[in-house]
Amino acid sequence: MHDELLHLRNLGKTSVQWLHACGIHSAEELRRRGAVASYAAVKARGFGASRVLLYAIEGALRDLHWQELPAGVKAELNARAEAALRNRS
């Protein structure tokens, strides 16, 4: 089975399964939603995702290994993710 999400950098089988469960089935859909909304959707479904998933998604969208994201980008992602998760509860 061809799954384009599995071909994106940083995304493995489990993270792709979580994204599918949230209705994200393509790279285009992932781009459209963005890293923060996609991560928040995974968390809202009750999956045990850590912040590494947030960074992994952003890295996938930028075609970078998640550890190569600058500290400022990670800080911005964290702030936006915290706000998104607060707004969902």
PDB file of N, CA and C in Angstrom:
ATOM      1  N   MET A   1       0.834  -1.181   0.000  1.00  0.00           N
ATOM      2  CA  MET A   1       0.000   0.000   0.000  1.00  0.00           C
ATOM      3  C   MET A   1       0.883   1.249   0.000  1.00  0.00           C
ATOM      4  N   HIS A   2       0.588   2.162  -0.880  1.00  0.00           N
ATOM      5  CA  HIS A   2       1.347   3.406  -0.968  1.00  0.00           C
ATOM      6  C   HIS A   2       0.699   4.446  -0.050  1.00  0.00           C
ATOM      7  N   ASP A   3       1.480   4.976   0.846  1.00  0.00           N
ATOM      8  CA  ASP A   3       0.994   6.030   1.739  1.00  0.00           C
ATOM      9  C   ASP A   3       1.989   7.170   1.675  1.00  0.00           C
ATOM     10  N   GLU A   4       1.586   8.262   1.060  1.00  0.00           N
ATOM     11  CA  GLU A   4       2.539   9.360   0.862  1.00  0.00           C
ATOM     12  C   GLU A   4       3.024   9.958   2.171  1.00  0.00           C
ATOM     13  N   LEU A   5       2.234   9.874   3.235  1.00  0.00           N
ATOM     14  CA  LEU A   5       2.697  10.413   4.518  1.00  0.00           C
ATOM     15  C   LEU A   5       3.919   9.659   5.038  1.00  0.00           C
ATOM     16  N   LEU A   6       3.969   8.354   4.749  1.00  0.00           N
ATOM     17  CA  LEU A   6       5.123   7.568   5.194  1.00  0.00           C
ATOM     18  C   LEU A   6       6.409   7.953   4.472  1.00  0.00           C
ATOM     19  N   HIS A   7       6.279   8.650   3.357  1.00  0.00           N
ATOM     20  CA  HIS A   7       7.455   9.073   2.609  1.00  0.00           C
ATOM     21  C   HIS A   7       7.961  10.442   3.042  1.00  0.00           C
ATOM     22  N   LEU A   8       7.234  11.093   3.942  1.00  0.00           N
ATOM     23  CA  LEU A   8       7.702  12.371   4.457  1.00  0.00           C
ATOM     24  C   LEU A   8       8.723  12.140   5.558  1.00  0.00           C
ATOM     25  N   ARG A   9       9.681  13.001   5.612  1.00  0.00           N
ATOM     26  CA  ARG A   9      10.723  12.914   6.627  1.00  0.00           C
ATOM     27  C   ARG A   9      10.097  12.969   8.019  1.00  0.00           C
ATOM     28  N   ASN A  10      10.610  12.214   8.938  1.00  0.00           N
ATOM     29  CA  ASN A  10      10.245  12.198  10.360  1.00  0.00           C
ATOM     30  C   ASN A  10       8.997  11.400  10.710  1.00  0.00           C
ATOM     31  N   LEU A  11       8.172  11.056   9.740  1.00  0.00           N
ATOM     32  CA  LEU A  11       6.908  10.395  10.060  1.00  0.00           C
ATOM     33  C   LEU A  11       7.024   8.892   9.883  1.00  0.00           C
ATOM     34  N   GLY A  12       6.712   8.185  10.950  1.00  0.00           N
ATOM     35  CA  GLY A  12       6.751   6.728  10.915  1.00  0.00           C
ATOM     36  C   GLY A  12       5.355   6.139  10.959  1.00  0.00           C
ATOM     37  N   LYS A  13       5.302   4.839  11.072  1.00  0.00           N
ATOM     38  CA  LYS A  13       4.037   4.114  10.997  1.00  0.00           C
ATOM     39  C   LYS A  13       3.034   4.585  12.049  1.00  0.00           C
ATOM     40  N   THR A  14       3.458   4.717  13.282  1.00  0.00           N
ATOM     41  CA  THR A  14       2.528   5.104  14.349  1.00  0.00           C
ATOM     42  C   THR A  14       2.022   6.522  14.160  1.00  0.00           C
ATOM     43  N   SER A  15       2.910   7.449  13.877  1.00  0.00           N
ATOM     44  CA  SER A  15       2.467   8.841  13.707  1.00  0.00           C
ATOM     45  C   SER A  15       1.537   8.965  12.504  1.00  0.00           C
ATOM     46  N   VAL A  16       1.802   8.215  11.456  1.00  0.00           N
ATOM     47  CA  VAL A  16       0.922   8.248  10.279  1.00  0.00           C
ATOM     48  C   VAL A  16      -0.439   7.644  10.621  1.00  0.00           C
ATOM     49  N   GLN A  17      -0.469   6.584  11.401  1.00  0.00           N
ATOM     50  CA  GLN A  17      -1.743   6.007  11.817  1.00  0.00           C
ATOM     51  C   GLN A  17      -2.554   7.019  12.633  1.00  0.00           C
ATOM     52  N   TRP A  18      -1.886   7.739  13.518  1.00  0.00           N
ATOM     53  CA  TRP A  18      -2.565   8.772  14.315  1.00  0.00           C
ATOM     54  C   TRP A  18      -3.135   9.860  13.408  1.00  0.00           C
ATOM     55  N   LEU A  19      -2.342  10.287  12.427  1.00  0.00           N
ATOM     56  CA  LEU A  19      -2.805  11.323  11.504  1.00  0.00           C
ATOM     57  C   LEU A  19      -4.005  10.828  10.697  1.00  0.00           C
ATOM     58  N   HIS A  20      -3.952   9.594  10.232  1.00  0.00           N
ATOM     59  CA  HIS A  20      -5.082   9.012   9.500  1.00  0.00           C
ATOM     60  C   HIS A  20      -6.337   9.008  10.377  1.00  0.00           C
ATOM     61  N   ALA A  21      -6.179   8.659  11.636  1.00  0.00           N
ATOM     62  CA  ALA A  21      -7.319   8.622  12.550  1.00  0.00           C
ATOM     63  C   ALA A  21      -7.953  10.002  12.722  1.00  0.00           C
ATOM     64  N   CYS A  22      -7.186  11.037  12.437  1.00  0.00           N
ATOM     65  CA  CYS A  22      -7.674  12.414  12.537  1.00  0.00           C
ATOM     66  C   CYS A  22      -8.135  12.957  11.190  1.00  0.00           C
ATOM     67  N   GLY A  23      -8.185  12.100  10.186  1.00  0.00           N
ATOM     68  CA  GLY A  23      -8.665  12.511   8.876  1.00  0.00           C
ATOM     69  C   GLY A  23      -7.608  13.113   7.970  1.00  0.00           C
ATOM     70  N   ILE A  24      -6.363  12.941   8.323  1.00  0.00           N
ATOM     71  CA  ILE A  24      -5.259  13.471   7.514  1.00  0.00           C
ATOM     72  C   ILE A  24      -4.653  12.305   6.745  1.00  0.00           C
ATOM     73  N   HIS A  25      -4.872  12.297   5.438  1.00  0.00           N
ATOM     74  CA  HIS A  25      -4.460  11.160   4.618  1.00  0.00           C
ATOM     75  C   HIS A  25      -3.466  11.522   3.519  1.00  0.00           C
ATOM     76  N   SER A  26      -3.137  12.786   3.401  1.00  0.00           N
ATOM     77  CA  SER A  26      -2.223  13.188   2.330  1.00  0.00           C
ATOM     78  C   SER A  26      -1.297  14.300   2.817  1.00  0.00           C
ATOM     79  N   ALA A  27      -0.205  14.452   2.104  1.00  0.00           N
ATOM     80  CA  ALA A  27       0.732  15.536   2.418  1.00  0.00           C
ATOM     81  C   ALA A  27       0.061  16.893   2.240  1.00  0.00           C
ATOM     82  N   GLU A  28      -0.802  16.993   1.237  1.00  0.00           N
ATOM     83  CA  GLU A  28      -1.516  18.255   1.005  1.00  0.00           C
ATOM     84  C   GLU A  28      -2.423  18.599   2.183  1.00  0.00           C
ATOM     85  N   GLU A  29      -3.129  17.608   2.707  1.00  0.00           N
ATOM     86  CA  GLU A  29      -3.985  17.848   3.869  1.00  0.00           C
ATOM     87  C   GLU A  29      -3.149  18.237   5.080  1.00  0.00           C
ATOM     88  N   LEU A  30      -2.004  17.603   5.248  1.00  0.00           N
ATOM     89  CA  LEU A  30      -1.115  17.950   6.354  1.00  0.00           C
ATOM     90  C   LEU A  30      -0.635  19.390   6.215  1.00  0.00           C
ATOM     91  N   ARG A  31      -0.263  19.791   5.008  1.00  0.00           N
ATOM     92  CA  ARG A  31       0.160  21.175   4.758  1.00  0.00           C
ATOM     93  C   ARG A  31      -0.976  22.152   5.033  1.00  0.00           C
ATOM     94  N   ARG A  32      -2.163  21.788   4.578  1.00  0.00           N
ATOM     95  CA  ARG A  32      -3.317  22.669   4.759  1.00  0.00           C
ATOM     96  C   ARG A  32      -3.623  22.903   6.237  1.00  0.00           C
ATOM     97  N   ARG A  33      -3.568  21.840   7.025  1.00  0.00           N
ATOM     98  CA  ARG A  33      -3.860  21.971   8.456  1.00  0.00           C
ATOM     99  C   ARG A  33      -2.700  22.586   9.226  1.00  0.00           C
ATOM    100  N   GLY A  34      -1.492  22.245   8.822  1.00  0.00           N
ATOM    101  CA  GLY A  34      -0.316  22.740   9.529  1.00  0.00           C
ATOM    102  C   GLY A  34       0.046  21.866  10.711  1.00  0.00           C
ATOM    103  N   ALA A  35       1.244  22.073  11.213  1.00  0.00           N
ATOM    104  CA  ALA A  35       1.769  21.221  12.284  1.00  0.00           C
ATOM    105  C   ALA A  35       0.975  21.347  13.576  1.00  0.00           C
ATOM    106  N   VAL A  36       0.658  22.565  13.974  1.00  0.00           N
ATOM    107  CA  VAL A  36      -0.005  22.766  15.266  1.00  0.00           C
ATOM    108  C   VAL A  36      -1.402  22.154  15.273  1.00  0.00           C
ATOM    109  N   ALA A  37      -2.202  22.440  14.267  1.00  0.00           N
ATOM    110  CA  ALA A  37      -3.564  21.898  14.226  1.00  0.00           C
ATOM    111  C   ALA A  37      -3.549  20.376  14.098  1.00  0.00           C
ATOM    112  N   SER A  38      -2.611  19.846  13.334  1.00  0.00           N
ATOM    113  CA  SER A  38      -2.515  18.391  13.181  1.00  0.00           C
ATOM    114  C   SER A  38      -2.128  17.737  14.499  1.00  0.00           C
ATOM    115  N   TYR A  39      -1.148  18.314  15.179  1.00  0.00           N
ATOM    116  CA  TYR A  39      -0.724  17.805  16.481  1.00  0.00           C
ATOM    117  C   TYR A  39      -1.869  17.889  17.492  1.00  0.00           C
ATOM    118  N   ALA A  40      -2.579  19.012  17.517  1.00  0.00           N
ATOM    119  CA  ALA A  40      -3.698  19.189  18.444  1.00  0.00           C
ATOM    120  C   ALA A  40      -4.798  18.165  18.163  1.00  0.00           C
ATOM    121  N   ALA A  41      -5.030  17.860  16.905  1.00  0.00           N
ATOM    122  CA  ALA A  41      -6.039  16.862  16.543  1.00  0.00           C
ATOM    123  C   ALA A  41      -5.647  15.483  17.068  1.00  0.00           C
ATOM    124  N   VAL A  42      -4.375  15.145  16.948  1.00  0.00           N
ATOM    125  CA  VAL A  42      -3.880  13.857  17.460  1.00  0.00           C
ATOM    126  C   VAL A  42      -4.055  13.792  18.973  1.00  0.00           C
ATOM    127  N   LYS A  43      -3.668  14.861  19.656  1.00  0.00           N
ATOM    128  CA  LYS A  43      -3.802  14.894  21.116  1.00  0.00           C
ATOM    129  C   LYS A  43      -5.267  14.817  21.532  1.00  0.00           C
ATOM    130  N   ALA A  44      -6.151  15.509  20.794  1.00  0.00           N
ATOM    131  CA  ALA A  44      -7.576  15.514  21.121  1.00  0.00           C
ATOM    132  C   ALA A  44      -8.189  14.124  20.987  1.00  0.00           C
ATOM    133  N   ARG A  45      -7.620  13.299  20.122  1.00  0.00           N
ATOM    134  CA  ARG A  45      -8.106  11.919  19.952  1.00  0.00           C
ATOM    135  C   ARG A  45      -7.623  11.007  21.073  1.00  0.00           C
ATOM    136  N   GLY A  46      -6.777  11.530  21.962  1.00  0.00           N
ATOM    137  CA  GLY A  46      -6.320  10.759  23.118  1.00  0.00           C
ATOM    138  C   GLY A  46      -5.060   9.951  22.888  1.00  0.00           C
ATOM    139  N   PHE A  47      -4.409  10.156  21.751  1.00  0.00           N
ATOM    140  CA  PHE A  47      -3.159   9.437  21.506  1.00  0.00           C
ATOM    141  C   PHE A  47      -2.040  10.029  22.363  1.00  0.00           C
ATOM    142  N   GLY A  48      -1.117   9.191  22.780  1.00  0.00           N
ATOM    143  CA  GLY A  48      -0.043   9.596  23.669  1.00  0.00           C
ATOM    144  C   GLY A  48       1.134  10.241  22.955  1.00  0.00           C
ATOM    145  N   ALA A  49       0.855  11.204  22.129  1.00  0.00           N
ATOM    146  CA  ALA A  49       1.914  11.869  21.361  1.00  0.00           C
ATOM    147  C   ALA A  49       2.655  12.875  22.227  1.00  0.00           C
ATOM    148  N   SER A  50       3.964  12.911  22.059  1.00  0.00           N
ATOM    149  CA  SER A  50       4.782  13.897  22.759  1.00  0.00           C
ATOM    150  C   SER A  50       5.013  15.088  21.833  1.00  0.00           C
ATOM    151  N   ARG A  51       5.704  16.079  22.340  1.00  0.00           N
ATOM    152  CA  ARG A  51       6.018  17.262  21.527  1.00  0.00           C
ATOM    153  C   ARG A  51       6.906  16.909  20.337  1.00  0.00           C
ATOM    154  N   VAL A  52       7.575  15.786  20.414  1.00  0.00           N
ATOM    155  CA  VAL A  52       8.400  15.369  19.276  1.00  0.00           C
ATOM    156  C   VAL A  52       7.530  15.209  18.026  1.00  0.00           C
ATOM    157  N   LEU A  53       6.284  14.750  18.193  1.00  0.00           N
ATOM    158  CA  LEU A  53       5.401  14.648  17.028  1.00  0.00           C
ATOM    159  C   LEU A  53       5.161  16.029  16.426  1.00  0.00           C
ATOM    160  N   LEU A  54       4.950  17.017  17.256  1.00  0.00           N
ATOM    161  CA  LEU A  54       4.770  18.391  16.771  1.00  0.00           C
ATOM    162  C   LEU A  54       5.965  18.817  15.931  1.00  0.00           C
ATOM    163  N   TYR A  55       7.163  18.589  16.454  1.00  0.00           N
ATOM    164  CA  TYR A  55       8.383  18.952  15.729  1.00  0.00           C
ATOM    165  C   TYR A  55       8.555  18.095  14.471  1.00  0.00           C
ATOM    166  N   ALA A  56       8.191  16.818  14.585  1.00  0.00           N
ATOM    167  CA  ALA A  56       8.318  15.916  13.435  1.00  0.00           C
ATOM    168  C   ALA A  56       7.424  16.370  12.286  1.00  0.00           C
ATOM    169  N   ILE A  57       6.209  16.774  12.612  1.00  0.00           N
ATOM    170  CA  ILE A  57       5.304  17.242  11.564  1.00  0.00           C
ATOM    171  C   ILE A  57       5.850  18.517  10.932  1.00  0.00           C
ATOM    172  N   GLU A  58       6.279  19.453  11.759  1.00  0.00           N
ATOM    173  CA  GLU A  58       6.835  20.702  11.208  1.00  0.00           C
ATOM    174  C   GLU A  58       8.063  20.408  10.356  1.00  0.00           C
ATOM    175  N   GLY A  59       8.918  19.515  10.839  1.00  0.00           N
ATOM    176  CA  GLY A  59      10.086  19.124  10.052  1.00  0.00           C
ATOM    177  C   GLY A  59       9.690  18.468   8.742  1.00  0.00           C
ATOM    178  N   ALA A  60       8.657  17.635   8.772  1.00  0.00           N
ATOM    179  CA  ALA A  60       8.176  16.992   7.545  1.00  0.00           C
ATOM    180  C   ALA A  60       7.710  18.044   6.548  1.00  0.00           C
ATOM    181  N   LEU A  61       7.010  19.048   7.035  1.00  0.00           N
ATOM    182  CA  LEU A  61       6.513  20.111   6.154  1.00  0.00           C
ATOM    183  C   LEU A  61       7.649  20.954   5.571  1.00  0.00           C
ATOM    184  N   ARG A  62       8.746  21.046   6.318  1.00  0.00           N
ATOM    185  CA  ARG A  62       9.908  21.822   5.864  1.00  0.00           C
ATOM    186  C   ARG A  62      10.975  20.950   5.204  1.00  0.00           C
ATOM    187  N   ASP A  63      10.760  19.642   5.188  1.00  0.00           N
ATOM    188  CA  ASP A  63      11.726  18.669   4.692  1.00  0.00           C
ATOM    189  C   ASP A  63      13.051  18.777   5.444  1.00  0.00           C
ATOM    190  N   LEU A  64      12.923  18.828   6.776  1.00  0.00           N
ATOM    191  CA  LEU A  64      14.076  18.868   7.683  1.00  0.00           C
ATOM    192  C   LEU A  64      13.915  17.787   8.737  1.00  0.00           C
ATOM    193  N   HIS A  65      15.016  17.272   9.228  1.00  0.00           N
ATOM    194  CA  HIS A  65      14.930  16.410  10.403  1.00  0.00           C
ATOM    195  C   HIS A  65      14.449  17.278  11.554  1.00  0.00           C
ATOM    196  N   TRP A  66      13.575  16.750  12.388  1.00  0.00           N
ATOM    197  CA  TRP A  66      12.967  17.562  13.442  1.00  0.00           C
ATOM    198  C   TRP A  66      14.002  18.175  14.384  1.00  0.00           C
ATOM    199  N   GLN A  67      15.136  17.516  14.574  1.00  0.00           N
ATOM    200  CA  GLN A  67      16.166  18.058  15.463  1.00  0.00           C
ATOM    201  C   GLN A  67      16.883  19.263  14.857  1.00  0.00           C
ATOM    202  N   GLU A  68      16.709  19.479  13.553  1.00  0.00           N
ATOM    203  CA  GLU A  68      17.326  20.621  12.889  1.00  0.00           C
ATOM    204  C   GLU A  68      16.477  21.892  12.983  1.00  0.00           C
ATOM    205  N   LEU A  69      15.270  21.780  13.513  1.00  0.00           N
ATOM    206  CA  LEU A  69      14.440  22.976  13.673  1.00  0.00           C
ATOM    207  C   LEU A  69      15.101  23.916  14.675  1.00  0.00           C
ATOM    208  N   PRO A  70      15.194  25.180  14.363  1.00  0.00           N
ATOM    209  CA  PRO A  70      15.795  26.136  15.303  1.00  0.00           C
ATOM    210  C   PRO A  70      14.997  26.211  16.608  1.00  0.00           C
ATOM    211  N   ALA A  71      15.680  26.538  17.685  1.00  0.00           N
ATOM    212  CA  ALA A  71      15.044  26.632  19.004  1.00  0.00           C
ATOM    213  C   ALA A  71      13.886  27.623  18.986  1.00  0.00           C
ATOM    214  N   GLY A  72      14.028  28.704  18.258  1.00  0.00           N
ATOM    215  CA  GLY A  72      12.960  29.694  18.179  1.00  0.00           C
ATOM    216  C   GLY A  72      11.706  29.142  17.517  1.00  0.00           C
ATOM    217  N   VAL A  73      11.882  28.310  16.509  1.00  0.00           N
ATOM    218  CA  VAL A  73      10.739  27.680  15.836  1.00  0.00           C
ATOM    219  C   VAL A  73      10.059  26.719  16.802  1.00  0.00           C
ATOM    220  N   LYS A  74      10.848  25.945  17.533  1.00  0.00           N
ATOM    221  CA  LYS A  74      10.261  25.015  18.506  1.00  0.00           C
ATOM    222  C   LYS A  74       9.497  25.771  19.588  1.00  0.00           C
ATOM    223  N   ALA A  75      10.056  26.879  20.054  1.00  0.00           N
ATOM    224  CA  ALA A  75       9.383  27.681  21.083  1.00  0.00           C
ATOM    225  C   ALA A  75       8.051  28.219  20.559  1.00  0.00           C
ATOM    226  N   GLU A  76       8.057  28.705  19.329  1.00  0.00           N
ATOM    227  CA  GLU A  76       6.827  29.211  18.706  1.00  0.00           C
ATOM    228  C   GLU A  76       5.798  28.095  18.555  1.00  0.00           C
ATOM    229  N   LEU A  77       6.235  26.932  18.104  1.00  0.00           N
ATOM    230  CA  LEU A  77       5.330  25.787  17.963  1.00  0.00           C
ATOM    231  C   LEU A  77       4.735  25.393  19.311  1.00  0.00           C
ATOM    232  N   ASN A  78       5.577  25.365  20.340  1.00  0.00           N
ATOM    233  CA  ASN A  78       5.102  25.011  21.682  1.00  0.00           C
ATOM    234  C   ASN A  78       4.042  25.986  22.170  1.00  0.00           C
ATOM    235  N   ALA A  79       4.284  27.277  22.002  1.00  0.00           N
ATOM    236  CA  ALA A  79       3.328  28.290  22.456  1.00  0.00           C
ATOM    237  C   ALA A  79       2.004  28.144  21.707  1.00  0.00           C
ATOM    238  N   ARG A  80       2.082  27.966  20.404  1.00  0.00           N
ATOM    239  CA  ARG A  80       0.857  27.829  19.609  1.00  0.00           C
ATOM    240  C   ARG A  80       0.122  26.538  19.945  1.00  0.00           C
ATOM    241  N   ALA A  81       0.875  25.451  20.183  1.00  0.00           N
ATOM    242  CA  ALA A  81       0.257  24.168  20.521  1.00  0.00           C
ATOM    243  C   ALA A  81      -0.431  24.242  21.886  1.00  0.00           C
ATOM    244  N   GLU A  82       0.216  24.870  22.848  1.00  0.00           N
ATOM    245  CA  GLU A  82      -0.397  25.017  24.175  1.00  0.00           C
ATOM    246  C   GLU A  82      -1.705  25.787  24.071  1.00  0.00           C
ATOM    247  N   ALA A  83      -1.715  26.866  23.286  1.00  0.00           N
ATOM    248  CA  ALA A  83      -2.938  27.648  23.099  1.00  0.00           C
ATOM    249  C   ALA A  83      -4.010  26.813  22.399  1.00  0.00           C
ATOM    250  N   ALA A  84      -3.627  26.065  21.380  1.00  0.00           N
ATOM    251  CA  ALA A  84      -4.596  25.237  20.651  1.00  0.00           C
ATOM    252  C   ALA A  84      -5.198  24.154  21.557  1.00  0.00           C
ATOM    253  N   LEU A  85      -4.360  23.549  22.375  1.00  0.00           N
ATOM    254  CA  LEU A  85      -4.851  22.502  23.264  1.00  0.00           C
ATOM    255  C   LEU A  85      -5.752  23.079  24.360  1.00  0.00           C
ATOM    256  N   ARG A  86      -5.422  24.256  24.868  1.00  0.00           N
ATOM    257  CA  ARG A  86      -6.272  24.920  25.864  1.00  0.00           C
ATOM    258  C   ARG A  86      -7.638  25.237  25.263  1.00  0.00           C
ATOM    259  N   ASN A  87      -7.653  25.696  24.026  1.00  0.00           N
ATOM    260  CA  ASN A  87      -8.903  26.069  23.367  1.00  0.00           C
ATOM    261  C   ASN A  87      -9.783  24.876  23.055  1.00  0.00           C
ATOM    262  N   ARG A  88      -9.188  23.682  22.968  1.00  0.00           N
ATOM    263  CA  ARG A  88      -9.967  22.476  22.687  1.00  0.00           C
ATOM    264  C   ARG A  88     -10.626  21.921  23.947  1.00  0.00           C
ATOM    265  N   SER A  89     -10.119  22.306  25.121  1.00  0.00           N
ATOM    266  CA  SER A  89     -10.683  21.723  26.348  1.00  0.00           C
ATOM    267  C   SER A  89     -11.791  22.552  26.935  1.00  0.00           C
TER     268      SER A  89
END
